[in-house]
Amino acid sequence: MGRYDAQIEKSKQMLADAEADYAERAARTDLPRSTREFVLAEAQRRIDEAKGMIETFTEANR
């Protein structure tokens, strides 16, 4: 077991939550275009952040 396994698991959960949130927001068609683009960009930022955390902790575990 690596030193950062708990953080990796937490980051994987964050990623799953962010991806679900993105899918939910992408399905909404009732928002004005600019608002929709903003909320999707924010959800994508959270996805990218979680992926970066997973990569960082995985690399640190080596």
PDB file of N, CA and C in Angstrom:
ATOM      1  N   MET A   1       0.830  -1.173   0.000  1.00  0.00           N
ATOM      2  CA  MET A   1       0.000   0.000   0.000  1.00  0.00           C
ATOM      3  C   MET A   1       0.882   1.246   0.000  1.00  0.00           C
ATOM      4  N   GLY A   2       0.531   2.182  -0.855  1.00  0.00           N
ATOM      5  CA  GLY A   2       1.315   3.394  -0.968  1.00  0.00           C
ATOM      6  C   GLY A   2       0.909   4.451   0.043  1.00  0.00           C
ATOM      7  N   ARG A   3       1.776   5.375   0.203  1.00  0.00           N
ATOM      8  CA  ARG A   3       1.565   6.453   1.174  1.00  0.00           C
ATOM      9  C   ARG A   3       0.343   7.308   0.835  1.00  0.00           C
ATOM     10  N   TYR A   4       0.039   7.466  -0.439  1.00  0.00           N
ATOM     11  CA  TYR A   4      -1.032   8.367  -0.867  1.00  0.00           C
ATOM     12  C   TYR A   4      -2.277   7.646  -1.386  1.00  0.00           C
ATOM     13  N   ASP A   5      -2.430   6.377  -1.059  1.00  0.00           N
ATOM     14  CA  ASP A   5      -3.579   5.618  -1.543  1.00  0.00           C
ATOM     15  C   ASP A   5      -4.918   6.243  -1.136  1.00  0.00           C
ATOM     16  N   ALA A   6      -5.006   6.731   0.084  1.00  0.00           N
ATOM     17  CA  ALA A   6      -6.262   7.334   0.552  1.00  0.00           C
ATOM     18  C   ALA A   6      -6.593   8.585  -0.258  1.00  0.00           C
ATOM     19  N   GLN A   7      -5.586   9.390  -0.566  1.00  0.00           N
ATOM     20  CA  GLN A   7      -5.810  10.600  -1.361  1.00  0.00           C
ATOM     21  C   GLN A   7      -6.197  10.255  -2.794  1.00  0.00           C
ATOM     22  N   ILE A   8      -5.603   9.179  -3.313  1.00  0.00           N
ATOM     23  CA  ILE A   8      -5.956   8.743  -4.669  1.00  0.00           C
ATOM     24  C   ILE A   8      -7.417   8.313  -4.708  1.00  0.00           C
ATOM     25  N   GLU A   9      -7.840   7.544  -3.732  1.00  0.00           N
ATOM     26  CA  GLU A   9      -9.243   7.104  -3.686  1.00  0.00           C
ATOM     27  C   GLU A   9     -10.193   8.289  -3.538  1.00  0.00           C
ATOM     28  N   LYS A  10      -9.832   9.246  -2.704  1.00  0.00           N
ATOM     29  CA  LYS A  10     -10.663  10.440  -2.535  1.00  0.00           C
ATOM     30  C   LYS A  10     -10.733  11.220  -3.846  1.00  0.00           C
ATOM     31  N   SER A  11      -9.614  11.322  -4.542  1.00  0.00           N
ATOM     32  CA  SER A  11      -9.577  12.027  -5.818  1.00  0.00           C
ATOM     33  C   SER A  11     -10.397  11.304  -6.876  1.00  0.00           C
ATOM     34  N   LYS A  12     -10.376   9.977  -6.859  1.00  0.00           N
ATOM     35  CA  LYS A  12     -11.196   9.200  -7.795  1.00  0.00           C
ATOM     36  C   LYS A  12     -12.679   9.436  -7.535  1.00  0.00           C
ATOM     37  N   GLN A  13     -13.054   9.550  -6.272  1.00  0.00           N
ATOM     38  CA  GLN A  13     -14.452   9.840  -5.937  1.00  0.00           C
ATOM     39  C   GLN A  13     -14.819  11.248  -6.387  1.00  0.00           C
ATOM     40  N   MET A  14     -13.895  12.194  -6.190  1.00  0.00           N
ATOM     41  CA  MET A  14     -14.124  13.561  -6.664  1.00  0.00           C
ATOM     42  C   MET A  14     -14.324  13.574  -8.176  1.00  0.00           C
ATOM     43  N   LEU A  15     -13.530  12.773  -8.887  1.00  0.00           N
ATOM     44  CA  LEU A  15     -13.650  12.689 -10.339  1.00  0.00           C
ATOM     45  C   LEU A  15     -15.001  12.120 -10.738  1.00  0.00           C
ATOM     46  N   ALA A  16     -15.418  11.055 -10.099  1.00  0.00           N
ATOM     47  CA  ALA A  16     -16.717  10.448 -10.414  1.00  0.00           C
ATOM     48  C   ALA A  16     -17.853  11.435 -10.151  1.00  0.00           C
ATOM     49  N   ASP A  17     -17.768  12.151  -9.039  1.00  0.00           N
ATOM     50  CA  ASP A  17     -18.796  13.149  -8.714  1.00  0.00           C
ATOM     51  C   ASP A  17     -18.811  14.279  -9.744  1.00  0.00           C
ATOM     52  N   ALA A  18     -17.623  14.741 -10.130  1.00  0.00           N
ATOM     53  CA  ALA A  18     -17.529  15.829 -11.102  1.00  0.00           C
ATOM     54  C   ALA A  18     -18.049  15.395 -12.466  1.00  0.00           C
ATOM     55  N   GLU A  19     -17.740  14.163 -12.866  1.00  0.00           N
ATOM     56  CA  GLU A  19     -18.238  13.671 -14.151  1.00  0.00           C
ATOM     57  C   GLU A  19     -19.753  13.524 -14.142  1.00  0.00           C
ATOM     58  N   ALA A  20     -20.302  13.074 -13.037  1.00  0.00           N
ATOM     59  CA  ALA A  20     -21.761  12.964 -12.920  1.00  0.00           C
ATOM     60  C   ALA A  20     -22.401  14.346 -12.961  1.00  0.00           C
ATOM     61  N   ASP A  21     -21.781  15.297 -12.280  1.00  0.00           N
ATOM     62  CA  ASP A  21     -22.278  16.664 -12.270  1.00  0.00           C
ATOM     63  C   ASP A  21     -22.241  17.257 -13.676  1.00  0.00           C
ATOM     64  N   TYR A  22     -21.171  16.988 -14.406  1.00  0.00           N
ATOM     65  CA  TYR A  22     -21.055  17.485 -15.777  1.00  0.00           C
ATOM     66  C   TYR A  22     -22.179  16.916 -16.646  1.00  0.00           C
ATOM     67  N   ALA A  23     -22.396  15.621 -16.534  1.00  0.00           N
ATOM     68  CA  ALA A  23     -23.435  14.976 -17.336  1.00  0.00           C
ATOM     69  C   ALA A  23     -24.812  15.552 -17.007  1.00  0.00           C
ATOM     70  N   GLU A  24     -25.049  15.785 -15.741  1.00  0.00           N
ATOM     71  CA  GLU A  24     -26.332  16.358 -15.321  1.00  0.00           C
ATOM     72  C   GLU A  24     -26.501  17.770 -15.874  1.00  0.00           C
ATOM     73  N   ARG A  25     -25.458  18.553 -15.780  1.00  0.00           N
ATOM     74  CA  ARG A  25     -25.535  19.932 -16.279  1.00  0.00           C
ATOM     75  C   ARG A  25     -25.630  19.967 -17.802  1.00  0.00           C
ATOM     76  N   ALA A  26     -24.943  19.045 -18.479  1.00  0.00           N
ATOM     77  CA  ALA A  26     -24.983  19.008 -19.943  1.00  0.00           C
ATOM     78  C   ALA A  26     -26.378  18.662 -20.449  1.00  0.00           C
ATOM     79  N   ALA A  27     -27.115  17.915 -19.664  1.00  0.00           N
ATOM     80  CA  ALA A  27     -28.461  17.514 -20.066  1.00  0.00           C
ATOM     81  C   ALA A  27     -29.479  18.647 -19.935  1.00  0.00           C
ATOM     82  N   ARG A  28     -29.122  19.668 -19.183  1.00  0.00           N
ATOM     83  CA  ARG A  28     -30.051  20.792 -18.987  1.00  0.00           C
ATOM     84  C   ARG A  28     -30.067  21.679 -20.226  1.00  0.00           C
ATOM     85  N   THR A  29     -31.237  21.877 -20.739  1.00  0.00           N
ATOM     86  CA  THR A  29     -31.387  22.728 -21.917  1.00  0.00           C
ATOM     87  C   THR A  29     -32.160  24.000 -21.600  1.00  0.00           C
ATOM     88  N   ASP A  30     -32.528  24.170 -20.338  1.00  0.00           N
ATOM     89  CA  ASP A  30     -33.338  25.322 -19.953  1.00  0.00           C
ATOM     90  C   ASP A  30     -32.507  26.555 -19.598  1.00  0.00           C
ATOM     91  N   LEU A  31     -31.196  26.445 -19.643  1.00  0.00           N
ATOM     92  CA  LEU A  31     -30.329  27.567 -19.282  1.00  0.00           C
ATOM     93  C   LEU A  31     -29.968  28.385 -20.513  1.00  0.00           C
ATOM     94  N   PRO A  32     -29.807  29.688 -20.342  1.00  0.00           N
ATOM     95  CA  PRO A  32     -29.291  30.481 -21.465  1.00  0.00           C
ATOM     96  C   PRO A  32     -27.907  29.976 -21.870  1.00  0.00           C
ATOM     97  N   ARG A  33     -27.563  30.163 -23.125  1.00  0.00           N
ATOM     98  CA  ARG A  33     -26.317  29.610 -23.660  1.00  0.00           C
ATOM     99  C   ARG A  33     -25.090  30.024 -22.853  1.00  0.00           C
ATOM    100  N   SER A  34     -24.968  31.302 -22.513  1.00  0.00           N
ATOM    101  CA  SER A  34     -23.780  31.772 -21.786  1.00  0.00           C
ATOM    102  C   SER A  34     -23.704  31.154 -20.395  1.00  0.00           C
ATOM    103  N   THR A  35     -24.837  30.996 -19.742  1.00  0.00           N
ATOM    104  CA  THR A  35     -24.869  30.379 -18.418  1.00  0.00           C
ATOM    105  C   THR A  35     -24.500  28.912 -18.527  1.00  0.00           C
ATOM    106  N   ARG A  36     -25.036  28.244 -19.517  1.00  0.00           N
ATOM    107  CA  ARG A  36     -24.744  26.822 -19.726  1.00  0.00           C
ATOM    108  C   ARG A  36     -23.254  26.616 -19.985  1.00  0.00           C
ATOM    109  N   GLU A  37     -22.676  27.465 -20.825  1.00  0.00           N
ATOM    110  CA  GLU A  37     -21.241  27.356 -21.107  1.00  0.00           C
ATOM    111  C   GLU A  37     -20.421  27.561 -19.839  1.00  0.00           C
ATOM    112  N   PHE A  38     -20.830  28.517 -19.013  1.00  0.00           N
ATOM    113  CA  PHE A  38     -20.119  28.783 -17.767  1.00  0.00           C
ATOM    114  C   PHE A  38     -20.182  27.591 -16.817  1.00  0.00           C
ATOM    115  N   VAL A  39     -21.374  27.032 -16.608  1.00  0.00           N
ATOM    116  CA  VAL A  39     -21.488  25.921 -15.658  1.00  0.00           C
ATOM    117  C   VAL A  39     -20.794  24.664 -16.183  1.00  0.00           C
ATOM    118  N   LEU A  40     -20.806  24.459 -17.491  1.00  0.00           N
ATOM    119  CA  LEU A  40     -20.088  23.311 -18.055  1.00  0.00           C
ATOM    120  C   LEU A  40     -18.576  23.508 -17.933  1.00  0.00           C
ATOM    121  N   ALA A  41     -18.113  24.720 -18.128  1.00  0.00           N
ATOM    122  CA  ALA A  41     -16.683  24.994 -17.980  1.00  0.00           C
ATOM    123  C   ALA A  41     -16.241  24.772 -16.533  1.00  0.00           C
ATOM    124  N   GLU A  42     -17.075  25.183 -15.588  1.00  0.00           N
ATOM    125  CA  GLU A  42     -16.753  24.977 -14.179  1.00  0.00           C
ATOM    126  C   GLU A  42     -16.722  23.488 -13.840  1.00  0.00           C
ATOM    127  N   ALA A  43     -17.671  22.737 -14.351  1.00  0.00           N
ATOM    128  CA  ALA A  43     -17.694  21.291 -14.117  1.00  0.00           C
ATOM    129  C   ALA A  43     -16.467  20.634 -14.751  1.00  0.00           C
ATOM    130  N   GLN A  44     -16.090  21.076 -15.944  1.00  0.00           N
ATOM    131  CA  GLN A  44     -14.900  20.533 -16.608  1.00  0.00           C
ATOM    132  C   GLN A  44     -13.645  20.868 -15.817  1.00  0.00           C
ATOM    133  N   ARG A  45     -13.586  22.052 -15.236  1.00  0.00           N
ATOM    134  CA  ARG A  45     -12.443  22.437 -14.408  1.00  0.00           C
ATOM    135  C   ARG A  45     -12.290  21.486 -13.233  1.00  0.00           C
ATOM    136  N   ARG A  46     -13.414  21.116 -12.616  1.00  0.00           N
ATOM    137  CA  ARG A  46     -13.387  20.174 -11.494  1.00  0.00           C
ATOM    138  C   ARG A  46     -12.915  18.791 -11.946  1.00  0.00           C
ATOM    139  N   ILE A  47     -13.323  18.375 -13.131  1.00  0.00           N
ATOM    140  CA  ILE A  47     -12.869  17.089 -13.687  1.00  0.00           C
ATOM    141  C   ILE A  47     -11.362  17.128 -13.901  1.00  0.00           C
ATOM    142  N   ASP A  48     -10.888  18.185 -14.519  1.00  0.00           N
ATOM    143  CA  ASP A  48      -9.453  18.314 -14.792  1.00  0.00           C
ATOM    144  C   ASP A  48      -8.650  18.364 -13.492  1.00  0.00           C
ATOM    145  N   GLU A  49      -9.171  19.058 -12.503  1.00  0.00           N
ATOM    146  CA  GLU A  49      -8.493  19.154 -11.210  1.00  0.00           C
ATOM    147  C   GLU A  49      -8.381  17.775 -10.549  1.00  0.00           C
ATOM    148  N   ALA A  50      -9.462  17.018 -10.567  1.00  0.00           N
ATOM    149  CA  ALA A  50      -9.444  15.677  -9.967  1.00  0.00           C
ATOM    150  C   ALA A  50      -8.469  14.763 -10.706  1.00  0.00           C
ATOM    151  N   LYS A  51      -8.454  14.837 -12.040  1.00  0.00           N
ATOM    152  CA  LYS A  51      -7.508  14.027 -12.818  1.00  0.00           C
ATOM    153  C   LYS A  51      -6.074  14.404 -12.476  1.00  0.00           C
ATOM    154  N   GLY A  52      -5.810  15.683 -12.322  1.00  0.00           N
ATOM    155  CA  GLY A  52      -4.478  16.142 -11.961  1.00  0.00           C
ATOM    156  C   GLY A  52      -4.069  15.647 -10.581  1.00  0.00           C
ATOM    157  N   MET A  53      -5.006  15.654  -9.655  1.00  0.00           N
ATOM    158  CA  MET A  53      -4.711  15.159  -8.311  1.00  0.00           C
ATOM    159  C   MET A  53      -4.390  13.669  -8.338  1.00  0.00           C
ATOM    160  N   ILE A  54      -5.169  12.903  -9.092  1.00  0.00           N
ATOM    161  CA  ILE A  54      -4.914  11.462  -9.210  1.00  0.00           C
ATOM    162  C   ILE A  54      -3.518  11.235  -9.778  1.00  0.00           C
ATOM    163  N   GLU A  55      -3.181  11.954 -10.821  1.00  0.00           N
ATOM    164  CA  GLU A  55      -1.866  11.810 -11.447  1.00  0.00           C
ATOM    165  C   GLU A  55      -0.745  12.176 -10.467  1.00  0.00           C
ATOM    166  N   THR A  56      -0.930  13.276  -9.754  1.00  0.00           N
ATOM    167  CA  THR A  56       0.089  13.731  -8.798  1.00  0.00           C
ATOM    168  C   THR A  56       0.305  12.721  -7.687  1.00  0.00           C
ATOM    169  N   PHE A  57      -0.774  12.243  -7.079  1.00  0.00           N
ATOM    170  CA  PHE A  57      -0.648  11.293  -5.976  1.00  0.00           C
ATOM    171  C   PHE A  57      -0.127   9.944  -6.453  1.00  0.00           C
ATOM    172  N   THR A  58      -0.524   9.531  -7.660  1.00  0.00           N
ATOM    173  CA  THR A  58      -0.035   8.253  -8.193  1.00  0.00           C
ATOM    174  C   THR A  58       1.475   8.341  -8.416  1.00  0.00           C
ATOM    175  N   GLU A  59       1.919   9.450  -8.985  1.00  0.00           N
ATOM    176  CA  GLU A  59       3.346   9.644  -9.215  1.00  0.00           C
ATOM    177  C   GLU A  59       4.113   9.696  -7.887  1.00  0.00           C
ATOM    178  N   ALA A  60       3.545  10.328  -6.878  1.00  0.00           N
ATOM    179  CA  ALA A  60       4.197  10.437  -5.567  1.00  0.00           C
ATOM    180  C   ALA A  60       4.280   9.085  -4.874  1.00  0.00           C
ATOM    181  N   ASN A  61       3.400   8.164  -5.215  1.00  0.00           N
ATOM    182  CA  ASN A  61       3.394   6.833  -4.604  1.00  0.00           C
ATOM    183  C   ASN A  61       4.534   5.964  -5.128  1.00  0.00           C
ATOM    184  N   ARG A  62       5.144   6.325  -6.213  1.00  0.00           N
ATOM    185  CA  ARG A  62       6.193   5.486  -6.822  1.00  0.00           C
ATOM    186  C   ARG A  62       7.483   5.584  -6.067  1.00  0.00           C
TER     187      ARG A  62
END
